[in-house]
């Protein structure tokens, strides 16, 4: 019988988000830096953000970056072997920070799509 340890999903999703971030970075660089020879301007970026596909892409990239970065931070914090109470507080802080940052990123992205 396969026994799934507590950190398996965290470890697995760290690798998956890393791969997806590489793909997202390639798409981002091709689109913004190689597709057009025009300079990147505020108007070009806001025009690109008017499409739902790019809104979804940017929000997905934001979610991937946040998960990957904060999950990595969480792994580093666990290396210090905090006691259970400190671990609980740190876990809540990292989680709430990630949620708040995603909400702020969503709000900031939607402000330029009107």
PDB file of N, CA and C in Angstrom:
ATOM      1  N   UNK A   1       0.841  -1.183   0.000  1.00  0.00           N
ATOM      2  CA  UNK A   1       0.000   0.000   0.000  1.00  0.00           C
ATOM      3  C   UNK A   1       0.887   1.247   0.000  1.00  0.00           C
ATOM      4  N   UNK A   2       0.521   2.207  -0.824  1.00  0.00           N
ATOM      5  CA  UNK A   2       1.279   3.450  -0.935  1.00  0.00           C
ATOM      6  C   UNK A   2       0.923   4.378   0.219  1.00  0.00           C
ATOM      7  N   UNK A   3       1.930   4.791   0.945  1.00  0.00           N
ATOM      8  CA  UNK A   3       1.711   5.728   2.048  1.00  0.00           C
ATOM      9  C   UNK A   3       2.168   7.106   1.591  1.00  0.00           C
ATOM     10  N   UNK A   4       1.257   8.051   1.606  1.00  0.00           N
ATOM     11  CA  UNK A   4       1.577   9.408   1.177  1.00  0.00           C
ATOM     12  C   UNK A   4       1.947  10.219   2.399  1.00  0.00           C
ATOM     13  N   UNK A   5       3.158  10.693   2.407  1.00  0.00           N
ATOM     14  CA  UNK A   5       3.612  11.513   3.525  1.00  0.00           C
ATOM     15  C   UNK A   5       3.064  12.918   3.374  1.00  0.00           C
ATOM     16  N   UNK A   6       3.082  13.638   4.467  1.00  0.00           N
ATOM     17  CA  UNK A   6       2.484  14.960   4.539  1.00  0.00           C
ATOM     18  C   UNK A   6       3.064  15.950   3.523  1.00  0.00           C
ATOM     19  N   UNK A   7       4.353  15.904   3.239  1.00  0.00           N
ATOM     20  CA  UNK A   7       4.987  16.879   2.364  1.00  0.00           C
ATOM     21  C   UNK A   7       5.038  16.488   0.902  1.00  0.00           C
ATOM     22  N   UNK A   8       4.452  15.365   0.535  1.00  0.00           N
ATOM     23  CA  UNK A   8       4.523  14.897  -0.847  1.00  0.00           C
ATOM     24  C   UNK A   8       3.906  15.895  -1.818  1.00  0.00           C
ATOM     25  N   UNK A   9       2.711  16.363  -1.531  1.00  0.00           N
ATOM     26  CA  UNK A   9       2.040  17.269  -2.463  1.00  0.00           C
ATOM     27  C   UNK A   9       2.768  18.602  -2.563  1.00  0.00           C
ATOM     28  N   UNK A  10       3.283  19.071  -1.462  1.00  0.00           N
ATOM     29  CA  UNK A  10       4.055  20.301  -1.477  1.00  0.00           C
ATOM     30  C   UNK A  10       5.283  20.143  -2.368  1.00  0.00           C
ATOM     31  N   UNK A  11       5.991  19.039  -2.213  1.00  0.00           N
ATOM     32  CA  UNK A  11       7.179  18.759  -3.014  1.00  0.00           C
ATOM     33  C   UNK A  11       6.814  18.629  -4.487  1.00  0.00           C
ATOM     34  N   UNK A  12       5.756  17.867  -4.774  1.00  0.00           N
ATOM     35  CA  UNK A  12       5.325  17.632  -6.153  1.00  0.00           C
ATOM     36  C   UNK A  12       4.883  18.932  -6.820  1.00  0.00           C
ATOM     37  N   UNK A  13       4.057  19.724  -6.129  1.00  0.00           N
ATOM     38  CA  UNK A  13       3.569  20.973  -6.717  1.00  0.00           C
ATOM     39  C   UNK A  13       4.694  21.993  -6.888  1.00  0.00           C
ATOM     40  N   UNK A  14       5.735  21.913  -6.069  1.00  0.00           N
ATOM     41  CA  UNK A  14       6.892  22.800  -6.234  1.00  0.00           C
ATOM     42  C   UNK A  14       7.548  22.529  -7.592  1.00  0.00           C
ATOM     43  N   UNK A  15       7.659  21.271  -7.958  1.00  0.00           N
ATOM     44  CA  UNK A  15       8.267  20.907  -9.249  1.00  0.00           C
ATOM     45  C   UNK A  15       7.358  21.281 -10.410  1.00  0.00           C
ATOM     46  N   UNK A  16       6.068  21.027 -10.272  1.00  0.00           N
ATOM     47  CA  UNK A  16       5.119  21.353 -11.344  1.00  0.00           C
ATOM     48  C   UNK A  16       5.053  22.859 -11.572  1.00  0.00           C
ATOM     49  N   UNK A  17       4.951  23.641 -10.483  1.00  0.00           N
ATOM     50  CA  UNK A  17       4.897  25.097 -10.655  1.00  0.00           C
ATOM     51  C   UNK A  17       6.202  25.622 -11.241  1.00  0.00           C
ATOM     52  N   UNK A  18       7.324  25.016 -10.892  1.00  0.00           N
ATOM     53  CA  UNK A  18       8.598  25.426 -11.481  1.00  0.00           C
ATOM     54  C   UNK A  18       8.599  25.227 -12.991  1.00  0.00           C
ATOM     55  N   UNK A  19       8.114  24.072 -13.443  1.00  0.00           N
ATOM     56  CA  UNK A  19       8.037  23.812 -14.891  1.00  0.00           C
ATOM     57  C   UNK A  19       7.076  24.777 -15.579  1.00  0.00           C
ATOM     58  N   UNK A  20       5.921  25.003 -14.963  1.00  0.00           N
ATOM     59  CA  UNK A  20       4.946  25.926 -15.554  1.00  0.00           C
ATOM     60  C   UNK A  20       5.475  27.358 -15.585  1.00  0.00           C
ATOM     61  N   UNK A  21       6.268  27.727 -14.601  1.00  0.00           N
ATOM     62  CA  UNK A  21       6.871  29.061 -14.593  1.00  0.00           C
ATOM     63  C   UNK A  21       7.875  29.219 -15.730  1.00  0.00           C
ATOM     64  N   UNK A  22       8.605  28.178 -16.042  1.00  0.00           N
ATOM     65  CA  UNK A  22       9.535  28.235 -17.176  1.00  0.00           C
ATOM     66  C   UNK A  22       8.753  28.443 -18.473  1.00  0.00           C
ATOM     67  N   UNK A  23       7.666  27.700 -18.641  1.00  0.00           N
ATOM     68  CA  UNK A  23       6.823  27.856 -19.831  1.00  0.00           C
ATOM     69  C   UNK A  23       6.251  29.276 -19.880  1.00  0.00           C
ATOM     70  N   UNK A  24       5.738  29.763 -18.749  1.00  0.00           N
ATOM     71  CA  UNK A  24       5.187  31.119 -18.696  1.00  0.00           C
ATOM     72  C   UNK A  24       6.229  32.173 -18.996  1.00  0.00           C
ATOM     73  N   UNK A  25       7.453  31.966 -18.514  1.00  0.00           N
ATOM     74  CA  UNK A  25       8.526  32.917 -18.778  1.00  0.00           C
ATOM     75  C   UNK A  25       8.856  32.949 -20.271  1.00  0.00           C
ATOM     76  N   UNK A  26       8.891  31.792 -20.907  1.00  0.00           N
ATOM     77  CA  UNK A  26       9.173  31.735 -22.343  1.00  0.00           C
ATOM     78  C   UNK A  26       8.080  32.460 -23.126  1.00  0.00           C
ATOM     79  N   UNK A  27       6.816  32.202 -22.801  1.00  0.00           N
ATOM     80  CA  UNK A  27       5.703  32.882 -23.471  1.00  0.00           C
ATOM     81  C   UNK A  27       5.807  34.394 -23.242  1.00  0.00           C
ATOM     82  N   UNK A  28       6.081  34.793 -22.017  1.00  0.00           N
ATOM     83  CA  UNK A  28       6.206  36.215 -21.686  1.00  0.00           C
ATOM     84  C   UNK A  28       7.323  36.868 -22.506  1.00  0.00           C
ATOM     85  N   UNK A  29       8.501  36.257 -22.535  1.00  0.00           N
ATOM     86  CA  UNK A  29       9.623  36.849 -23.265  1.00  0.00           C
ATOM     87  C   UNK A  29       9.365  36.897 -24.763  1.00  0.00           C
ATOM     88  N   UNK A  30       8.811  35.839 -25.323  1.00  0.00           N
ATOM     89  CA  UNK A  30       8.531  35.836 -26.759  1.00  0.00           C
ATOM     90  C   UNK A  30       7.522  36.925 -27.100  1.00  0.00           C
ATOM     91  N   UNK A  31       6.458  37.019 -26.317  1.00  0.00           N
ATOM     92  CA  UNK A  31       5.402  37.987 -26.598  1.00  0.00           C
ATOM     93  C   UNK A  31       5.865  39.426 -26.418  1.00  0.00           C
ATOM     94  N   UNK A  32       6.526  39.706 -25.319  1.00  0.00           N
ATOM     95  CA  UNK A  32       6.863  41.096 -25.022  1.00  0.00           C
ATOM     96  C   UNK A  32       8.184  41.561 -25.604  1.00  0.00           C
ATOM     97  N   UNK A  33       9.121  40.654 -25.841  1.00  0.00           N
ATOM     98  CA  UNK A  33      10.442  41.104 -26.239  1.00  0.00           C
ATOM     99  C   UNK A  33      10.848  40.707 -27.652  1.00  0.00           C
ATOM    100  N   UNK A  34      10.253  39.678 -28.216  1.00  0.00           N
ATOM    101  CA  UNK A  34      10.692  39.214 -29.527  1.00  0.00           C
ATOM    102  C   UNK A  34       9.617  39.283 -30.605  1.00  0.00           C
ATOM    103  N   UNK A  35       8.357  39.338 -30.211  1.00  0.00           N
ATOM    104  CA  UNK A  35       7.276  39.320 -31.190  1.00  0.00           C
ATOM    105  C   UNK A  35       7.188  40.625 -31.971  1.00  0.00           C
ATOM    106  N   UNK A  36       7.453  41.714 -31.324  1.00  0.00           N
ATOM    107  CA  UNK A  36       7.331  43.017 -31.954  1.00  0.00           C
ATOM    108  C   UNK A  36       8.638  43.792 -31.776  1.00  0.00           C
ATOM    109  N   UNK A  37       8.947  44.597 -32.769  1.00  0.00           N
ATOM    110  CA  UNK A  37      10.156  45.412 -32.684  1.00  0.00           C
ATOM    111  C   UNK A  37       9.852  46.795 -32.132  1.00  0.00           C
ATOM    112  N   UNK A  38       8.603  47.034 -31.790  1.00  0.00           N
ATOM    113  CA  UNK A  38       8.228  48.310 -31.190  1.00  0.00           C
ATOM    114  C   UNK A  38       8.644  48.311 -29.721  1.00  0.00           C
ATOM    115  N   UNK A  39       8.921  49.491 -29.193  1.00  0.00           N
ATOM    116  CA  UNK A  39       9.258  49.543 -27.759  1.00  0.00           C
ATOM    117  C   UNK A  39       8.042  49.190 -26.899  1.00  0.00           C
ATOM    118  N   UNK A  40       8.318  48.640 -25.724  1.00  0.00           N
ATOM    119  CA  UNK A  40       7.239  48.314 -24.791  1.00  0.00           C
ATOM    120  C   UNK A  40       6.769  49.615 -24.156  1.00  0.00           C
ATOM    121  N   UNK A  41       5.488  49.916 -24.346  1.00  0.00           N
ATOM    122  CA  UNK A  41       4.919  51.135 -23.786  1.00  0.00           C
ATOM    123  C   UNK A  41       3.728  50.777 -22.909  1.00  0.00           C
ATOM    124  N   UNK A  42       3.323  51.726 -22.102  1.00  0.00           N
ATOM    125  CA  UNK A  42       2.163  51.530 -21.247  1.00  0.00           C
ATOM    126  C   UNK A  42       0.927  51.225 -22.087  1.00  0.00           C
ATOM    127  N   UNK A  43       0.781  51.907 -23.214  1.00  0.00           N
ATOM    128  CA  UNK A  43      -0.373  51.694 -24.080  1.00  0.00           C
ATOM    129  C   UNK A  43      -0.391  50.277 -24.661  1.00  0.00           C
ATOM    130  N   UNK A  44       0.777  49.777 -25.072  1.00  0.00           N
ATOM    131  CA  UNK A  44       0.848  48.410 -25.607  1.00  0.00           C
ATOM    132  C   UNK A  44       0.473  47.383 -24.538  1.00  0.00           C
ATOM    133  N   UNK A  45       0.954  47.596 -23.336  1.00  0.00           N
ATOM    134  CA  UNK A  45       0.660  46.652 -22.253  1.00  0.00           C
ATOM    135  C   UNK A  45      -0.824  46.679 -21.911  1.00  0.00           C
ATOM    136  N   UNK A  46      -1.407  47.876 -21.781  1.00  0.00           N
ATOM    137  CA  UNK A  46      -2.839  47.942 -21.446  1.00  0.00           C
ATOM    138  C   UNK A  46      -3.701  47.394 -22.577  1.00  0.00           C
ATOM    139  N   UNK A  47      -3.277  47.562 -23.809  1.00  0.00           N
ATOM    140  CA  UNK A  47      -4.016  46.968 -24.930  1.00  0.00           C
ATOM    141  C   UNK A  47      -3.977  45.446 -24.845  1.00  0.00           C
ATOM    142  N   UNK A  48      -2.818  44.902 -24.532  1.00  0.00           N
ATOM    143  CA  UNK A  48      -2.685  43.446 -24.386  1.00  0.00           C
ATOM    144  C   UNK A  48      -3.553  42.937 -23.238  1.00  0.00           C
ATOM    145  N   UNK A  49      -3.636  43.725 -22.170  1.00  0.00           N
ATOM    146  CA  UNK A  49      -4.412  43.295 -21.008  1.00  0.00           C
ATOM    147  C   UNK A  49      -5.921  43.394 -21.217  1.00  0.00           C
ATOM    148  N   UNK A  50      -6.355  43.944 -22.333  1.00  0.00           N
ATOM    149  CA  UNK A  50      -7.789  44.017 -22.617  1.00  0.00           C
ATOM    150  C   UNK A  50      -8.371  42.656 -22.997  1.00  0.00           C
ATOM    151  N   UNK A  51      -7.520  41.734 -23.401  1.00  0.00           N
ATOM    152  CA  UNK A  51      -8.016  40.417 -23.804  1.00  0.00           C
ATOM    153  C   UNK A  51      -8.089  39.489 -22.593  1.00  0.00           C
ATOM    154  N   UNK A  52      -9.135  38.689 -22.570  1.00  0.00           N
ATOM    155  CA  UNK A  52      -9.340  37.774 -21.441  1.00  0.00           C
ATOM    156  C   UNK A  52      -8.232  36.723 -21.351  1.00  0.00           C
ATOM    157  N   UNK A  53      -7.722  36.299 -22.494  1.00  0.00           N
ATOM    158  CA  UNK A  53      -6.671  35.282 -22.477  1.00  0.00           C
ATOM    159  C   UNK A  53      -5.437  35.783 -21.730  1.00  0.00           C
ATOM    160  N   UNK A  54      -5.051  37.029 -21.964  1.00  0.00           N
ATOM    161  CA  UNK A  54      -3.879  37.575 -21.267  1.00  0.00           C
ATOM    162  C   UNK A  54      -4.176  37.863 -19.808  1.00  0.00           C
ATOM    163  N   UNK A  55      -5.388  38.215 -19.485  1.00  0.00           N
ATOM    164  CA  UNK A  55      -5.752  38.410 -18.080  1.00  0.00           C
ATOM    165  C   UNK A  55      -5.617  37.083 -17.334  1.00  0.00           C
ATOM    166  N   UNK A  56      -6.131  36.026 -17.934  1.00  0.00           N
ATOM    167  CA  UNK A  56      -6.043  34.699 -17.324  1.00  0.00           C
ATOM    168  C   UNK A  56      -4.588  34.260 -17.233  1.00  0.00           C
ATOM    169  N   UNK A  57      -3.815  34.498 -18.296  1.00  0.00           N
ATOM    170  CA  UNK A  57      -2.398  34.139 -18.296  1.00  0.00           C
ATOM    171  C   UNK A  57      -1.667  34.849 -17.163  1.00  0.00           C
ATOM    172  N   UNK A  58      -1.869  36.157 -17.043  1.00  0.00           N
ATOM    173  CA  UNK A  58      -1.166  36.927 -16.008  1.00  0.00           C
ATOM    174  C   UNK A  58      -1.599  36.528 -14.602  1.00  0.00           C
ATOM    175  N   UNK A  59      -2.884  36.267 -14.405  1.00  0.00           N
ATOM    176  CA  UNK A  59      -3.345  35.825 -13.084  1.00  0.00           C
ATOM    177  C   UNK A  59      -2.821  34.431 -12.748  1.00  0.00           C
ATOM    178  N   UNK A  60      -2.756  33.568 -13.748  1.00  0.00           N
ATOM    179  CA  UNK A  60      -2.202  32.233 -13.541  1.00  0.00           C
ATOM    180  C   UNK A  60      -0.724  32.331 -13.187  1.00  0.00           C
ATOM    181  N   UNK A  61      -0.004  33.174 -13.920  1.00  0.00           N
ATOM    182  CA  UNK A  61       1.415  33.369 -13.635  1.00  0.00           C
ATOM    183  C   UNK A  61       1.614  33.920 -12.226  1.00  0.00           C
ATOM    184  N   UNK A  62       0.763  34.854 -11.825  1.00  0.00           N
ATOM    185  CA  UNK A  62       0.836  35.405 -10.470  1.00  0.00           C
ATOM    186  C   UNK A  62       0.620  34.308  -9.426  1.00  0.00           C
ATOM    187  N   UNK A  63      -0.393  33.487  -9.632  1.00  0.00           N
ATOM    188  CA  UNK A  63      -0.665  32.392  -8.705  1.00  0.00           C
ATOM    189  C   UNK A  63       0.482  31.395  -8.636  1.00  0.00           C
ATOM    190  N   UNK A  64       1.059  31.060  -9.792  1.00  0.00           N
ATOM    191  CA  UNK A  64       2.180  30.129  -9.822  1.00  0.00           C
ATOM    192  C   UNK A  64       3.402  30.693  -9.098  1.00  0.00           C
ATOM    193  N   UNK A  65       3.694  31.962  -9.357  1.00  0.00           N
ATOM    194  CA  UNK A  65       4.845  32.606  -8.712  1.00  0.00           C
ATOM    195  C   UNK A  65       4.657  32.638  -7.198  1.00  0.00           C
ATOM    196  N   UNK A  66       3.467  33.021  -6.768  1.00  0.00           N
ATOM    197  CA  UNK A  66       3.203  33.092  -5.330  1.00  0.00           C
ATOM    198  C   UNK A  66       3.311  31.717  -4.677  1.00  0.00           C
ATOM    199  N   UNK A  67       2.680  30.718  -5.272  1.00  0.00           N
ATOM    200  CA  UNK A  67       2.750  29.387  -4.679  1.00  0.00           C
ATOM    201  C   UNK A  67       4.190  28.900  -4.633  1.00  0.00           C
ATOM    202  N   UNK A  68       4.887  29.003  -5.750  1.00  0.00           N
ATOM    203  CA  UNK A  68       6.246  28.494  -5.836  1.00  0.00           C
ATOM    204  C   UNK A  68       7.167  29.206  -4.843  1.00  0.00           C
ATOM    205  N   UNK A  69       7.076  30.516  -4.798  1.00  0.00           N
ATOM    206  CA  UNK A  69       7.937  31.279  -3.904  1.00  0.00           C
ATOM    207  C   UNK A  69       7.618  31.064  -2.434  1.00  0.00           C
ATOM    208  N   UNK A  70       6.336  31.114  -2.098  1.00  0.00           N
ATOM    209  CA  UNK A  70       5.956  30.958  -0.692  1.00  0.00           C
ATOM    210  C   UNK A  70       6.109  29.520  -0.211  1.00  0.00           C
ATOM    211  N   UNK A  71       5.907  28.560  -1.093  1.00  0.00           N
ATOM    212  CA  UNK A  71       6.145  27.167  -0.724  1.00  0.00           C
ATOM    213  C   UNK A  71       7.640  26.937  -0.482  1.00  0.00           C
ATOM    214  N   UNK A  72       8.471  27.564  -1.292  1.00  0.00           N
ATOM    215  CA  UNK A  72       9.914  27.486  -1.068  1.00  0.00           C
ATOM    216  C   UNK A  72      10.312  28.146   0.236  1.00  0.00           C
ATOM    217  N   UNK A  73       9.718  29.298   0.523  1.00  0.00           N
ATOM    218  CA  UNK A  73       9.978  29.980   1.793  1.00  0.00           C
ATOM    219  C   UNK A  73       9.552  29.098   2.967  1.00  0.00           C
ATOM    220  N   UNK A  74       8.398  28.475   2.838  1.00  0.00           N
ATOM    221  CA  UNK A  74       7.887  27.588   3.887  1.00  0.00           C
ATOM    222  C   UNK A  74       8.858  26.432   4.139  1.00  0.00           C
ATOM    223  N   UNK A  75       9.406  25.869   3.063  1.00  0.00           N
ATOM    224  CA  UNK A  75      10.367  24.773   3.213  1.00  0.00           C
ATOM    225  C   UNK A  75      11.623  25.245   3.948  1.00  0.00           C
ATOM    226  N   UNK A  76      12.082  26.449   3.635  1.00  0.00           N
ATOM    227  CA  UNK A  76      13.251  27.000   4.319  1.00  0.00           C
ATOM    228  C   UNK A  76      12.942  27.227   5.798  1.00  0.00           C
ATOM    229  N   UNK A  77      11.770  27.776   6.086  1.00  0.00           N
ATOM    230  CA  UNK A  77      11.386  28.009   7.484  1.00  0.00           C
ATOM    231  C   UNK A  77      11.306  26.700   8.265  1.00  0.00           C
ATOM    232  N   UNK A  78      10.818  25.642   7.622  1.00  0.00           N
ATOM    233  CA  UNK A  78      10.734  24.343   8.299  1.00  0.00           C
ATOM    234  C   UNK A  78      12.103  23.751   8.570  1.00  0.00           C
ATOM    235  N   UNK A  79      13.103  24.140   7.781  1.00  0.00           N
ATOM    236  CA  UNK A  79      14.469  23.660   8.027  1.00  0.00           C
ATOM    237  C   UNK A  79      15.006  24.131   9.372  1.00  0.00           C
ATOM    238  N   UNK A  80      14.442  25.213   9.895  1.00  0.00           N
ATOM    239  CA  UNK A  80      14.867  25.707  11.199  1.00  0.00           C
ATOM    240  C   UNK A  80      14.191  24.957  12.347  1.00  0.00           C
ATOM    241  N   UNK A  81      13.338  24.007  12.022  1.00  0.00           N
ATOM    242  CA  UNK A  81      12.648  23.149  12.987  1.00  0.00           C
ATOM    243  C   UNK A  81      12.004  23.937  14.125  1.00  0.00           C
ATOM    244  N   UNK A  82      11.058  24.836  13.775  1.00  0.00           N
ATOM    245  CA  UNK A  82      10.397  25.594  14.848  1.00  0.00           C
ATOM    246  C   UNK A  82       9.468  24.681  15.647  1.00  0.00           C
ATOM    247  N   UNK A  83       9.161  25.121  16.882  1.00  0.00           N
ATOM    248  CA  UNK A  83       8.218  24.323  17.660  1.00  0.00           C
ATOM    249  C   UNK A  83       6.833  24.438  17.016  1.00  0.00           C
ATOM    250  N   UNK A  84       5.920  23.624  17.468  1.00  0.00           N
ATOM    251  CA  UNK A  84       4.606  23.518  16.821  1.00  0.00           C
ATOM    252  C   UNK A  84       3.842  24.845  16.812  1.00  0.00           C
ATOM    253  N   UNK A  85       3.935  25.614  17.887  1.00  0.00           N
ATOM    254  CA  UNK A  85       3.213  26.885  17.980  1.00  0.00           C
ATOM    255  C   UNK A  85       3.771  27.894  16.964  1.00  0.00           C
ATOM    256  N   UNK A  86       5.082  28.018  16.900  1.00  0.00           N
ATOM    257  CA  UNK A  86       5.719  28.931  15.944  1.00  0.00           C
ATOM    258  C   UNK A  86       5.431  28.475  14.518  1.00  0.00           C
ATOM    259  N   UNK A  87       5.492  27.194  14.286  1.00  0.00           N
ATOM    260  CA  UNK A  87       5.197  26.634  12.970  1.00  0.00           C
ATOM    261  C   UNK A  87       3.775  26.985  12.542  1.00  0.00           C
ATOM    262  N   UNK A  88       2.837  26.896  13.465  1.00  0.00           N
ATOM    263  CA  UNK A  88       1.446  27.225  13.184  1.00  0.00           C
ATOM    264  C   UNK A  88       1.296  28.701  12.814  1.00  0.00           C
ATOM    265  N   UNK A  89       1.917  29.591  13.596  1.00  0.00           N
ATOM    266  CA  UNK A  89       1.855  31.029  13.302  1.00  0.00           C
ATOM    267  C   UNK A  89       2.497  31.348  11.955  1.00  0.00           C
ATOM    268  N   UNK A  90       3.655  30.764  11.695  1.00  0.00           N
ATOM    269  CA  UNK A  90       4.329  31.000  10.420  1.00  0.00           C
ATOM    270  C   UNK A  90       3.493  30.495   9.250  1.00  0.00           C
ATOM    271  N   UNK A  91       2.874  29.336   9.435  1.00  0.00           N
ATOM    272  CA  UNK A  91       2.020  28.787   8.379  1.00  0.00           C
ATOM    273  C   UNK A  91       0.862  29.704   8.059  1.00  0.00           C
ATOM    274  N   UNK A  92       0.215  30.227   9.099  1.00  0.00           N
ATOM    275  CA  UNK A  92      -0.897  31.155   8.874  1.00  0.00           C
ATOM    276  C   UNK A  92      -0.413  32.446   8.229  1.00  0.00           C
ATOM    277  N   UNK A  93       0.733  32.946   8.673  1.00  0.00           N
ATOM    278  CA  UNK A  93       1.266  34.185   8.108  1.00  0.00           C
ATOM    279  C   UNK A  93       1.582  34.019   6.623  1.00  0.00           C
ATOM    280  N   UNK A  94       2.277  32.942   6.275  1.00  0.00           N
ATOM    281  CA  UNK A  94       2.635  32.712   4.867  1.00  0.00           C
ATOM    282  C   UNK A  94       1.375  32.547   4.020  1.00  0.00           C
ATOM    283  N   UNK A  95       0.399  31.813   4.520  1.00  0.00           N
ATOM    284  CA  UNK A  95      -0.845  31.596   3.784  1.00  0.00           C
ATOM    285  C   UNK A  95      -1.613  32.899   3.586  1.00  0.00           C
ATOM    286  N   UNK A  96      -1.794  33.653   4.649  1.00  0.00           N
ATOM    287  CA  UNK A  96      -2.541  34.919   4.545  1.00  0.00           C
ATOM    288  C   UNK A  96      -1.794  35.943   3.695  1.00  0.00           C
ATOM    289  N   UNK A  97      -0.462  35.956   3.789  1.00  0.00           N
ATOM    290  CA  UNK A  97       0.335  36.847   2.949  1.00  0.00           C
ATOM    291  C   UNK A  97       0.137  36.499   1.479  1.00  0.00           C
ATOM    292  N   UNK A  98       0.134  35.212   1.152  1.00  0.00           N
ATOM    293  CA  UNK A  98      -0.072  34.772  -0.226  1.00  0.00           C
ATOM    294  C   UNK A  98      -1.444  35.150  -0.744  1.00  0.00           C
ATOM    295  N   UNK A  99      -2.466  34.952   0.067  1.00  0.00           N
ATOM    296  CA  UNK A  99      -3.834  35.300  -0.342  1.00  0.00           C
ATOM    297  C   UNK A  99      -3.952  36.806  -0.543  1.00  0.00           C
ATOM    298  N   UNK A 100      -3.429  37.586   0.411  1.00  0.00           N
ATOM    299  CA  UNK A 100      -3.505  39.046   0.310  1.00  0.00           C
ATOM    300  C   UNK A 100      -2.739  39.551  -0.916  1.00  0.00           C
ATOM    301  N   UNK A 101      -1.589  38.973  -1.178  1.00  0.00           N
ATOM    302  CA  UNK A 101      -0.795  39.389  -2.336  1.00  0.00           C
ATOM    303  C   UNK A 101      -1.507  39.045  -3.635  1.00  0.00           C
ATOM    304  N   UNK A 102      -2.142  37.869  -3.694  1.00  0.00           N
ATOM    305  CA  UNK A 102      -2.890  37.511  -4.895  1.00  0.00           C
ATOM    306  C   UNK A 102      -4.057  38.466  -5.106  1.00  0.00           C
ATOM    307  N   UNK A 103      -4.782  38.792  -4.051  1.00  0.00           N
ATOM    308  CA  UNK A 103      -5.910  39.724  -4.160  1.00  0.00           C
ATOM    309  C   UNK A 103      -5.417  41.084  -4.640  1.00  0.00           C
ATOM    310  N   UNK A 104      -4.310  41.568  -4.080  1.00  0.00           N
ATOM    311  CA  UNK A 104      -3.758  42.850  -4.516  1.00  0.00           C
ATOM    312  C   UNK A 104      -3.337  42.784  -5.986  1.00  0.00           C
ATOM    313  N   UNK A 105      -2.691  41.697  -6.393  1.00  0.00           N
ATOM    314  CA  UNK A 105      -2.291  41.531  -7.797  1.00  0.00           C
ATOM    315  C   UNK A 105      -3.490  41.481  -8.719  1.00  0.00           C
ATOM    316  N   UNK A 106      -4.541  40.778  -8.306  1.00  0.00           N
ATOM    317  CA  UNK A 106      -5.776  40.723  -9.091  1.00  0.00           C
ATOM    318  C   UNK A 106      -6.365  42.116  -9.236  1.00  0.00           C
ATOM    319  N   UNK A 107      -6.437  42.835  -8.134  1.00  0.00           N
ATOM    320  CA  UNK A 107      -6.981  44.194  -8.139  1.00  0.00           C
ATOM    321  C   UNK A 107      -6.152  45.110  -9.046  1.00  0.00           C
ATOM    322  N   UNK A 108      -4.836  45.015  -8.941  1.00  0.00           N
ATOM    323  CA  UNK A 108      -3.950  45.853  -9.752  1.00  0.00           C
ATOM    324  C   UNK A 108      -4.095  45.516 -11.238  1.00  0.00           C
ATOM    325  N   UNK A 109      -4.197  44.249 -11.566  1.00  0.00           N
ATOM    326  CA  UNK A 109      -4.347  43.842 -12.955  1.00  0.00           C
ATOM    327  C   UNK A 109      -5.692  44.313 -13.523  1.00  0.00           C
ATOM    328  N   UNK A 110      -6.753  44.163 -12.767  1.00  0.00           N
ATOM    329  CA  UNK A 110      -8.075  44.558 -13.237  1.00  0.00           C
ATOM    330  C   UNK A 110      -8.212  46.088 -13.388  1.00  0.00           C
ATOM    331  N   UNK A 111      -7.406  46.835 -12.652  1.00  0.00           N
ATOM    332  CA  UNK A 111      -7.462  48.296 -12.759  1.00  0.00           C
ATOM    333  C   UNK A 111      -7.026  48.777 -14.139  1.00  0.00           C
ATOM    334  N   UNK A 112      -6.196  48.010 -14.816  1.00  0.00           N
ATOM    335  CA  UNK A 112      -5.700  48.413 -16.134  1.00  0.00           C
ATOM    336  C   UNK A 112      -6.442  47.758 -17.280  1.00  0.00           C
ATOM    337  N   UNK A 113      -7.522  47.064 -16.992  1.00  0.00           N
ATOM    338  CA  UNK A 113      -8.245  46.373 -18.048  1.00  0.00           C
ATOM    339  C   UNK A 113      -9.543  47.053 -18.446  1.00  0.00           C
ATOM    340  N   UNK A 114      -9.815  48.211 -17.856  1.00  0.00           N
ATOM    341  CA  UNK A 114     -11.077  48.889 -18.143  1.00  0.00           C
ATOM    342  C   UNK A 114     -11.001  49.705 -19.403  1.00  0.00           C
TER     343      UNK A 114
END
